[in-house]
Amino acid sequence: MVAVCQDHLESTGAISTEVDTLLAYAVLVRVYAEFEQMIETIIGEKRSSIETVAYRERFNAVIRAGGRGVQYHRLADRLKEFGDEYRDAFHTRATESIENKRSITSYGNIMTHRRDVAHRDVPTITFRDVKDFYETGHIVLDLFRETLLSIDPAQIPDSA
C-alpha cells in the first residue's frame, strides 16, 4: 500500500500538495490498523506455541489483564503482566541502539498523528513522514514479538 501511494504521488507530481496530506491521513489510519492486527497476530503466535492447556489458559488470562492498546507503553504493560523482567527486557532492547530509540519515536508518531486525524485535530504531516514512521516503527513490533516469544510458558503467573 505504501509503495503504491508513493508511486502515485511521484507520477502525478502531487508531493507537498493537499493530496499528499490527505493521503498521509488515510495511510496513518491504515497503518495503525495494521499495527493492531500485527500485535494480535504476535499474541496468537505465542498462544499457539503453548502446548499445555493449563499454560495456554494462564497466558490468555495474563494477556487480557494486560489490557488493550497499541501504544508503546501498552505493549510494555502487557509484557509486565508476565513479570517485570519481560517489560525490562523489552525496554532494554528498545533503547539499546539509536535505531531502536528512533523506532520508539516513529511508532509514537504514528499513534499520535492517527489520534489527531481521528479526532479532527489536523496534523501537519506528509506522506513521506508517514512512510518513514511506518518503516522505522516496525522495529517496535519486532522487539515486542521477540520478547513475547521468549516467555517460558512454565513461568506464566497463575493469576493476573
N, C-alpha and C. Protein backbone atom coordinates (compact mmCIF):
# COMPACT_ATOMS: atom_id res chain seq x y z
N MET A 1 0.82 -1.19 0.00
CA MET A 1 0.00 0.00 0.00
C MET A 1 0.87 1.26 0.00
N VAL A 2 1.88 1.28 0.85
CA VAL A 2 2.74 2.45 0.96
C VAL A 2 3.45 2.71 -0.37
N ALA A 3 3.96 1.67 -1.00
CA ALA A 3 4.67 1.83 -2.28
C ALA A 3 3.73 2.35 -3.37
N VAL A 4 2.51 1.85 -3.40
CA VAL A 4 1.53 2.29 -4.41
C VAL A 4 1.22 3.78 -4.22
N CYS A 5 1.04 4.19 -2.98
CA CYS A 5 0.76 5.60 -2.70
C CYS A 5 1.94 6.48 -3.10
N GLN A 6 3.13 6.04 -2.77
CA GLN A 6 4.31 6.83 -3.12
C GLN A 6 4.44 6.95 -4.64
N ASP A 7 4.25 5.84 -5.34
CA ASP A 7 4.31 5.87 -6.81
C ASP A 7 3.29 6.85 -7.38
N HIS A 8 2.09 6.85 -6.81
CA HIS A 8 1.05 7.76 -7.29
C HIS A 8 1.46 9.22 -7.08
N LEU A 9 1.93 9.54 -5.89
CA LEU A 9 2.34 10.91 -5.61
C LEU A 9 3.45 11.38 -6.54
N GLU A 10 4.40 10.50 -6.78
CA GLU A 10 5.52 10.86 -7.66
C GLU A 10 5.08 10.99 -9.11
N SER A 11 4.26 10.06 -9.59
CA SER A 11 3.86 10.08 -11.01
C SER A 11 2.91 11.22 -11.33
N THR A 12 2.16 11.69 -10.34
CA THR A 12 1.22 12.79 -10.58
C THR A 12 1.78 14.15 -10.16
N GLY A 13 2.96 14.15 -9.59
CA GLY A 13 3.55 15.41 -9.13
C GLY A 13 2.81 16.01 -7.95
N ALA A 14 2.17 15.15 -7.14
CA ALA A 14 1.34 15.64 -6.05
C ALA A 14 2.08 15.72 -4.71
N ILE A 15 3.39 15.51 -4.72
CA ILE A 15 4.16 15.62 -3.48
C ILE A 15 4.08 17.06 -2.98
N SER A 16 3.89 17.21 -1.67
CA SER A 16 3.78 18.51 -1.00
C SER A 16 2.55 19.29 -1.42
N THR A 17 1.51 18.58 -1.77
CA THR A 17 0.23 19.22 -2.09
C THR A 17 -0.81 18.76 -1.08
N GLU A 18 -2.01 19.27 -1.22
CA GLU A 18 -3.10 18.84 -0.35
C GLU A 18 -3.39 17.34 -0.50
N VAL A 19 -3.22 16.83 -1.71
CA VAL A 19 -3.42 15.40 -1.95
C VAL A 19 -2.42 14.59 -1.12
N ASP A 20 -1.19 15.05 -1.05
CA ASP A 20 -0.16 14.40 -0.25
C ASP A 20 -0.62 14.32 1.21
N THR A 21 -1.09 15.43 1.73
CA THR A 21 -1.53 15.48 3.13
C THR A 21 -2.73 14.56 3.37
N LEU A 22 -3.71 14.61 2.48
CA LEU A 22 -4.89 13.77 2.65
C LEU A 22 -4.54 12.29 2.55
N LEU A 23 -3.64 11.96 1.66
CA LEU A 23 -3.18 10.59 1.53
C LEU A 23 -2.44 10.16 2.81
N ALA A 24 -1.66 11.06 3.36
CA ALA A 24 -0.96 10.77 4.61
C ALA A 24 -1.96 10.45 5.72
N TYR A 25 -3.04 11.20 5.82
CA TYR A 25 -4.06 10.95 6.83
C TYR A 25 -4.67 9.56 6.67
N ALA A 26 -5.02 9.22 5.44
CA ALA A 26 -5.64 7.92 5.17
C ALA A 26 -4.68 6.78 5.49
N VAL A 27 -3.43 6.94 5.11
CA VAL A 27 -2.44 5.89 5.33
C VAL A 27 -2.16 5.74 6.83
N LEU A 28 -2.16 6.83 7.59
CA LEU A 28 -1.98 6.73 9.04
C LEU A 28 -3.02 5.81 9.67
N VAL A 29 -4.25 5.98 9.27
CA VAL A 29 -5.32 5.17 9.83
C VAL A 29 -5.11 3.70 9.47
N ARG A 30 -4.73 3.44 8.23
CA ARG A 30 -4.48 2.07 7.78
C ARG A 30 -3.28 1.45 8.50
N VAL A 31 -2.22 2.24 8.68
CA VAL A 31 -1.01 1.73 9.36
C VAL A 31 -1.35 1.39 10.80
N TYR A 32 -2.08 2.24 11.47
CA TYR A 32 -2.49 1.98 12.85
C TYR A 32 -3.26 0.66 12.93
N ALA A 33 -4.21 0.48 12.03
CA ALA A 33 -4.99 -0.76 11.99
C ALA A 33 -4.10 -1.97 11.71
N GLU A 34 -3.15 -1.79 10.81
CA GLU A 34 -2.21 -2.88 10.50
C GLU A 34 -1.39 -3.24 11.73
N PHE A 35 -0.93 -2.24 12.48
CA PHE A 35 -0.15 -2.50 13.68
C PHE A 35 -1.00 -3.22 14.72
N GLU A 36 -2.26 -2.83 14.87
CA GLU A 36 -3.16 -3.53 15.78
C GLU A 36 -3.25 -5.01 15.41
N GLN A 37 -3.44 -5.27 14.13
CA GLN A 37 -3.55 -6.64 13.65
C GLN A 37 -2.25 -7.42 13.86
N MET A 38 -1.13 -6.77 13.63
CA MET A 38 0.16 -7.43 13.83
C MET A 38 0.35 -7.83 15.30
N ILE A 39 -0.07 -6.98 16.21
CA ILE A 39 0.05 -7.29 17.64
C ILE A 39 -0.80 -8.51 17.97
N GLU A 40 -2.01 -8.55 17.47
CA GLU A 40 -2.87 -9.71 17.71
C GLU A 40 -2.29 -10.97 17.08
N THR A 41 -1.66 -10.84 15.92
CA THR A 41 -1.02 -11.98 15.26
C THR A 41 0.15 -12.50 16.10
N ILE A 42 0.93 -11.59 16.65
CA ILE A 42 2.07 -11.98 17.50
C ILE A 42 1.55 -12.70 18.75
N ILE A 43 0.50 -12.17 19.36
CA ILE A 43 -0.08 -12.81 20.54
C ILE A 43 -0.61 -14.20 20.17
N GLY A 44 -1.27 -14.29 19.02
CA GLY A 44 -1.77 -15.59 18.56
C GLY A 44 -0.65 -16.58 18.28
N GLU A 45 0.46 -16.08 17.76
CA GLU A 45 1.61 -16.93 17.51
C GLU A 45 2.14 -17.53 18.81
N LYS A 46 2.24 -16.69 19.83
CA LYS A 46 2.70 -17.19 21.14
C LYS A 46 1.69 -18.17 21.70
N ARG A 47 0.41 -17.81 21.64
CA ARG A 47 -0.64 -18.68 22.18
C ARG A 47 -0.59 -20.07 21.54
N SER A 48 -0.45 -20.11 20.23
CA SER A 48 -0.46 -21.40 19.53
C SER A 48 0.81 -22.21 19.79
N SER A 49 1.86 -21.56 20.26
CA SER A 49 3.10 -22.29 20.55
C SER A 49 3.07 -22.96 21.93
N ILE A 50 2.06 -22.63 22.73
CA ILE A 50 1.95 -23.19 24.07
C ILE A 50 1.14 -24.48 23.98
N GLU A 51 1.80 -25.59 24.26
CA GLU A 51 1.18 -26.90 24.07
C GLU A 51 0.27 -27.31 25.23
N THR A 52 0.58 -26.92 26.43
CA THR A 52 -0.18 -27.33 27.60
C THR A 52 -1.41 -26.43 27.77
N VAL A 53 -2.57 -27.04 27.89
CA VAL A 53 -3.83 -26.30 28.00
C VAL A 53 -3.81 -25.36 29.21
N ALA A 54 -3.33 -25.83 30.33
CA ALA A 54 -3.30 -25.00 31.53
C ALA A 54 -2.43 -23.76 31.33
N TYR A 55 -1.27 -23.93 30.70
CA TYR A 55 -0.40 -22.78 30.44
C TYR A 55 -1.06 -21.83 29.44
N ARG A 56 -1.74 -22.38 28.45
CA ARG A 56 -2.42 -21.54 27.44
C ARG A 56 -3.52 -20.72 28.11
N GLU A 57 -4.26 -21.33 29.03
CA GLU A 57 -5.31 -20.60 29.75
C GLU A 57 -4.71 -19.50 30.61
N ARG A 58 -3.59 -19.79 31.26
CA ARG A 58 -2.91 -18.76 32.06
C ARG A 58 -2.42 -17.63 31.16
N PHE A 59 -1.88 -17.99 30.00
CA PHE A 59 -1.42 -16.99 29.04
C PHE A 59 -2.59 -16.08 28.63
N ASN A 60 -3.73 -16.67 28.31
CA ASN A 60 -4.90 -15.88 27.90
C ASN A 60 -5.35 -14.94 29.01
N ALA A 61 -5.34 -15.42 30.25
CA ALA A 61 -5.74 -14.58 31.38
C ALA A 61 -4.77 -13.41 31.56
N VAL A 62 -3.50 -13.67 31.43
CA VAL A 62 -2.50 -12.62 31.61
C VAL A 62 -2.58 -11.60 30.48
N ILE A 63 -2.77 -12.07 29.25
CA ILE A 63 -2.90 -11.14 28.11
C ILE A 63 -4.11 -10.24 28.31
N ARG A 64 -5.23 -10.79 28.75
CA ARG A 64 -6.43 -9.97 28.99
C ARG A 64 -6.16 -8.94 30.09
N ALA A 65 -5.46 -9.35 31.13
CA ALA A 65 -5.17 -8.45 32.25
C ALA A 65 -4.26 -7.30 31.81
N GLY A 66 -3.45 -7.54 30.80
CA GLY A 66 -2.52 -6.51 30.32
C GLY A 66 -3.21 -5.39 29.56
N GLY A 67 -4.47 -5.57 29.26
CA GLY A 67 -5.23 -4.52 28.59
C GLY A 67 -5.03 -4.53 27.09
N ARG A 68 -5.63 -3.54 26.46
CA ARG A 68 -5.56 -3.40 25.01
C ARG A 68 -4.78 -2.13 24.70
N GLY A 69 -4.66 -1.88 23.46
CA GLY A 69 -3.96 -0.68 23.04
C GLY A 69 -2.67 -1.03 22.33
N VAL A 70 -2.27 -0.16 21.45
CA VAL A 70 -1.09 -0.43 20.65
C VAL A 70 0.07 0.51 20.98
N GLN A 71 -0.14 1.46 21.87
CA GLN A 71 0.93 2.37 22.22
C GLN A 71 2.10 1.61 22.83
N TYR A 72 3.27 2.17 22.71
CA TYR A 72 4.49 1.54 23.24
C TYR A 72 4.32 1.15 24.71
N HIS A 73 3.83 2.07 25.53
CA HIS A 73 3.70 1.77 26.96
C HIS A 73 2.66 0.67 27.21
N ARG A 74 1.66 0.55 26.33
CA ARG A 74 0.67 -0.53 26.47
C ARG A 74 1.31 -1.89 26.15
N LEU A 75 2.18 -1.91 25.16
CA LEU A 75 2.90 -3.16 24.86
C LEU A 75 3.76 -3.56 26.05
N ALA A 76 4.43 -2.58 26.63
CA ALA A 76 5.27 -2.84 27.81
C ALA A 76 4.40 -3.32 28.98
N ASP A 77 3.21 -2.73 29.14
CA ASP A 77 2.30 -3.16 30.21
C ASP A 77 1.87 -4.62 30.03
N ARG A 78 1.60 -4.99 28.79
CA ARG A 78 1.21 -6.39 28.53
C ARG A 78 2.34 -7.34 28.93
N LEU A 79 3.56 -6.97 28.59
CA LEU A 79 4.70 -7.82 28.94
C LEU A 79 4.94 -7.84 30.44
N LYS A 80 4.70 -6.72 31.11
CA LYS A 80 4.90 -6.64 32.55
C LYS A 80 4.00 -7.63 33.28
N GLU A 81 2.84 -7.92 32.73
CA GLU A 81 1.93 -8.88 33.36
C GLU A 81 2.57 -10.26 33.51
N PHE A 82 3.57 -10.56 32.68
CA PHE A 82 4.29 -11.83 32.77
C PHE A 82 5.46 -11.74 33.74
N GLY A 83 5.79 -10.54 34.15
CA GLY A 83 6.89 -10.32 35.07
C GLY A 83 7.68 -9.09 34.64
N ASP A 84 8.19 -8.38 35.63
CA ASP A 84 8.95 -7.16 35.34
C ASP A 84 10.11 -7.42 34.39
N GLU A 85 10.70 -8.62 34.46
CA GLU A 85 11.87 -8.90 33.63
C GLU A 85 11.53 -8.85 32.14
N TYR A 86 10.29 -9.16 31.77
CA TYR A 86 9.92 -9.12 30.35
C TYR A 86 9.71 -7.68 29.88
N ARG A 87 9.07 -6.90 30.72
CA ARG A 87 8.93 -5.47 30.39
C ARG A 87 10.30 -4.83 30.30
N ASP A 88 11.16 -5.14 31.26
CA ASP A 88 12.50 -4.57 31.29
C ASP A 88 13.32 -5.01 30.08
N ALA A 89 13.18 -6.29 29.69
CA ALA A 89 13.91 -6.79 28.51
C ALA A 89 13.43 -6.06 27.25
N PHE A 90 12.14 -5.85 27.15
CA PHE A 90 11.57 -5.13 26.00
C PHE A 90 12.12 -3.71 25.96
N HIS A 91 12.09 -3.05 27.10
CA HIS A 91 12.58 -1.67 27.15
C HIS A 91 14.08 -1.60 26.87
N THR A 92 14.83 -2.54 27.40
CA THR A 92 16.28 -2.56 27.16
C THR A 92 16.57 -2.74 25.68
N ARG A 93 15.89 -3.69 25.06
CA ARG A 93 16.08 -3.91 23.62
C ARG A 93 15.69 -2.66 22.83
N ALA A 94 14.62 -2.02 23.26
CA ALA A 94 14.11 -0.86 22.53
C ALA A 94 15.00 0.36 22.68
N THR A 95 15.84 0.38 23.69
CA THR A 95 16.67 1.56 23.92
C THR A 95 18.17 1.28 23.77
N GLU A 96 18.52 0.09 23.27
CA GLU A 96 19.94 -0.27 23.21
C GLU A 96 20.69 0.32 22.03
N SER A 97 19.98 0.86 21.07
CA SER A 97 20.66 1.47 19.93
C SER A 97 19.90 2.72 19.49
N ILE A 98 20.59 3.56 18.77
CA ILE A 98 19.97 4.78 18.23
C ILE A 98 18.80 4.40 17.31
N GLU A 99 19.01 3.38 16.49
CA GLU A 99 17.96 2.95 15.55
C GLU A 99 16.71 2.50 16.31
N ASN A 100 16.89 1.75 17.38
CA ASN A 100 15.75 1.29 18.16
C ASN A 100 15.06 2.45 18.87
N LYS A 101 15.84 3.38 19.41
CA LYS A 101 15.25 4.55 20.06
C LYS A 101 14.44 5.36 19.04
N ARG A 102 14.99 5.48 17.84
CA ARG A 102 14.28 6.18 16.77
C ARG A 102 12.96 5.48 16.43
N SER A 103 12.98 4.15 16.52
CA SER A 103 11.77 3.39 16.22
C SER A 103 10.66 3.69 17.23
N ILE A 104 11.02 3.89 18.50
CA ILE A 104 10.02 4.24 19.51
C ILE A 104 9.38 5.58 19.17
N THR A 105 10.20 6.53 18.76
CA THR A 105 9.69 7.85 18.38
C THR A 105 8.78 7.73 17.17
N SER A 106 9.22 7.00 16.15
CA SER A 106 8.41 6.83 14.94
C SER A 106 7.10 6.12 15.26
N TYR A 107 7.18 5.09 16.06
CA TYR A 107 5.99 4.34 16.46
C TYR A 107 5.02 5.27 17.19
N GLY A 108 5.54 6.05 18.10
CA GLY A 108 4.71 7.01 18.84
C GLY A 108 4.10 8.07 17.93
N ASN A 109 4.85 8.49 16.92
CA ASN A 109 4.32 9.47 15.98
C ASN A 109 3.12 8.92 15.21
N ILE A 110 3.19 7.63 14.86
CA ILE A 110 2.04 7.02 14.19
C ILE A 110 0.82 7.07 15.11
N MET A 111 1.00 6.71 16.36
CA MET A 111 -0.11 6.70 17.31
C MET A 111 -0.68 8.11 17.51
N THR A 112 0.20 9.07 17.71
CA THR A 112 -0.23 10.44 17.97
C THR A 112 -0.94 11.06 16.77
N HIS A 113 -0.33 10.95 15.60
CA HIS A 113 -0.92 11.57 14.41
C HIS A 113 -2.21 10.87 14.00
N ARG A 114 -2.28 9.56 14.18
CA ARG A 114 -3.53 8.85 13.86
C ARG A 114 -4.64 9.32 14.79
N ARG A 115 -4.34 9.49 16.07
CA ARG A 115 -5.33 10.01 17.02
C ARG A 115 -5.79 11.40 16.59
N ASP A 116 -4.82 12.23 16.20
CA ASP A 116 -5.16 13.58 15.76
C ASP A 116 -6.09 13.55 14.55
N VAL A 117 -5.80 12.69 13.60
CA VAL A 117 -6.66 12.58 12.41
C VAL A 117 -8.05 12.10 12.81
N ALA A 118 -8.12 11.10 13.68
CA ALA A 118 -9.40 10.54 14.09
C ALA A 118 -10.26 11.55 14.84
N HIS A 119 -9.64 12.49 15.52
CA HIS A 119 -10.38 13.47 16.32
C HIS A 119 -10.39 14.86 15.69
N ARG A 120 -10.06 14.88 14.42
CA ARG A 120 -10.15 16.10 13.61
C ARG A 120 -9.17 17.19 14.00
N ASP A 121 -8.15 16.85 14.75
CA ASP A 121 -7.06 17.80 15.00
C ASP A 121 -6.07 17.58 13.86
N VAL A 122 -6.18 18.36 12.83
CA VAL A 122 -5.45 18.10 11.60
C VAL A 122 -3.95 18.34 11.80
N PRO A 123 -3.18 17.25 11.82
CA PRO A 123 -1.74 17.40 11.99
C PRO A 123 -1.07 17.87 10.70
N THR A 124 0.07 18.49 10.85
CA THR A 124 0.88 18.83 9.69
C THR A 124 1.81 17.66 9.46
N ILE A 125 1.48 16.88 8.45
CA ILE A 125 2.25 15.68 8.18
C ILE A 125 2.16 15.37 6.69
N THR A 126 3.23 14.83 6.17
CA THR A 126 3.25 14.47 4.76
C THR A 126 3.27 12.95 4.62
N PHE A 127 3.01 12.50 3.42
CA PHE A 127 3.07 11.07 3.17
C PHE A 127 4.47 10.54 3.45
N ARG A 128 5.48 11.30 3.08
CA ARG A 128 6.87 10.87 3.33
C ARG A 128 7.12 10.66 4.82
N ASP A 129 6.57 11.55 5.66
CA ASP A 129 6.69 11.38 7.11
C ASP A 129 6.08 10.06 7.55
N VAL A 130 4.86 9.80 7.06
CA VAL A 130 4.16 8.57 7.43
C VAL A 130 4.95 7.35 6.98
N LYS A 131 5.46 7.41 5.77
CA LYS A 131 6.25 6.29 5.24
C LYS A 131 7.47 6.03 6.13
N ASP A 132 8.18 7.09 6.51
CA ASP A 132 9.35 6.94 7.38
C ASP A 132 8.95 6.37 8.75
N PHE A 133 7.86 6.88 9.32
CA PHE A 133 7.38 6.38 10.62
C PHE A 133 7.03 4.90 10.51
N TYR A 134 6.37 4.53 9.43
CA TYR A 134 5.94 3.15 9.21
C TYR A 134 7.14 2.21 9.13
N GLU A 135 8.10 2.58 8.31
CA GLU A 135 9.27 1.72 8.11
C GLU A 135 10.10 1.56 9.38
N THR A 136 10.25 2.63 10.12
CA THR A 136 11.04 2.59 11.34
C THR A 136 10.25 2.03 12.53
N GLY A 137 8.97 2.35 12.58
CA GLY A 137 8.12 1.91 13.69
C GLY A 137 7.96 0.41 13.79
N HIS A 138 8.15 -0.29 12.70
CA HIS A 138 8.03 -1.75 12.70
C HIS A 138 9.01 -2.41 13.68
N ILE A 139 10.10 -1.75 13.95
CA ILE A 139 11.10 -2.32 14.86
C ILE A 139 10.48 -2.56 16.24
N VAL A 140 9.61 -1.66 16.69
CA VAL A 140 8.97 -1.84 17.99
C VAL A 140 8.18 -3.15 18.02
N LEU A 141 7.46 -3.43 16.95
CA LEU A 141 6.69 -4.67 16.90
C LEU A 141 7.60 -5.89 16.84
N ASP A 142 8.73 -5.78 16.15
CA ASP A 142 9.70 -6.87 16.12
C ASP A 142 10.23 -7.16 17.53
N LEU A 143 10.51 -6.10 18.28
CA LEU A 143 11.03 -6.26 19.64
C LEU A 143 9.97 -6.84 20.57
N PHE A 144 8.71 -6.40 20.39
CA PHE A 144 7.61 -6.96 21.18
C PHE A 144 7.49 -8.46 20.90
N ARG A 145 7.56 -8.83 19.64
CA ARG A 145 7.47 -10.24 19.25
C ARG A 145 8.60 -11.05 19.88
N GLU A 146 9.83 -10.57 19.73
CA GLU A 146 10.98 -11.29 20.30
C GLU A 146 10.80 -11.51 21.80
N THR A 147 10.35 -10.48 22.49
CA THR A 147 10.20 -10.57 23.94
C THR A 147 9.06 -11.50 24.31
N LEU A 148 7.92 -11.35 23.67
CA LEU A 148 6.77 -12.20 23.99
C LEU A 148 7.08 -13.67 23.72
N LEU A 149 7.72 -13.95 22.60
CA LEU A 149 8.03 -15.33 22.27
C LEU A 149 9.09 -15.95 23.19
N SER A 150 9.84 -15.11 23.88
CA SER A 150 10.88 -15.62 24.79
C SER A 150 10.31 -16.07 26.13
N ILE A 151 9.05 -15.78 26.39
CA ILE A 151 8.46 -16.14 27.68
C ILE A 151 8.27 -17.65 27.79
N ASP A 152 8.80 -18.20 28.85
CA ASP A 152 8.67 -19.63 29.11
C ASP A 152 7.26 -19.88 29.67
N PRO A 153 6.44 -20.71 29.01
CA PRO A 153 5.08 -20.95 29.48
C PRO A 153 5.01 -21.40 30.95
N ALA A 154 6.01 -22.13 31.40
CA ALA A 154 6.01 -22.58 32.78
C ALA A 154 6.18 -21.42 33.76
N GLN A 155 6.63 -20.27 33.28
CA GLN A 155 6.85 -19.11 34.15
C GLN A 155 5.69 -18.13 34.13
N ILE A 156 4.63 -18.44 33.40
CA ILE A 156 3.48 -17.55 33.35
C ILE A 156 2.80 -17.56 34.72
N PRO A 157 2.51 -16.38 35.26
CA PRO A 157 1.90 -16.33 36.59
C PRO A 157 0.55 -17.07 36.63
N ASP A 158 0.23 -17.60 37.81
CA ASP A 158 -1.02 -18.34 37.97
C ASP A 158 -2.24 -17.46 37.84
N SER A 159 -2.15 -16.23 38.28
CA SER A 159 -3.29 -15.33 38.17
C SER A 159 -2.82 -13.96 37.74
N ALA A 160 -3.71 -13.26 37.06
CA ALA A 160 -3.38 -11.92 36.58
C ALA A 160 -3.88 -10.87 37.53
